[in-house]
Amino acid sequence: MLPLLATGAEQMIVVVMGVSGSGKTTIGERLAARLECGFSDADQYHGASNKAKMAQGIALTDADREPWLAAMHAAIVERARQGADHVFACSALKRRYRDQLCGNVADVMMVFLHGPAEVLAKRVASRRGHFFDPALLNDQLAVLEPPTADEALAVDIRLTPDEIVERIVQALEARKAENK
């Protein structure tokens, strides 16, 4: 078993999670700008074959996701080792995916962006230039294992992006105060 890497009371590693169309990238980028830290989107860790499958409307299997999750975990570990604040955007649909992502890194804050299926579908349908086939949203919703309240901060996507970021910042500040 790998040693536990503590992120430290001052370091912040946040994973913004949810299904496609939940606003992970938008919120992740805005949160990173607000926190003045780095941002990484999980899409950059997908291999070409995974992107091609999703573009064709083919749902990824757990075997397809394995190298992607390993690469994401390595990036989270690297940021923890560097002591660098960082925001990641990642679907993290299943509990075991979230466990694998955070692995041996303590105090990673998960933020679950959730909302009604019809709102998600409208958002996905309106995206341009993204490889994700909108037909896969129903598959993601079926696979999703919503995190429990002790696992993630849940935020409704019907709030404005500024309101969502503010709620996350407030939760981070409360968490920092608890760790002092």
Foldseek 3Di string as FASTA:
>chain_A
DDAAQELDLPAAEEEEAAFAQLCLVVLQVVLCVVVVFEEEELVVLQDPVCLQCQLVVHDDDVVSCVSSLVVLLVVVVVCSVVSGHYYYYYHLQDPVSVCSSCPRYPDHAYEYRDEDPVSSLVRVVPDPPGSGDSNCRVVSVVSGDDDDPVRHHYDYSVDDSVVVSVVVVVVSVVSSVVVD
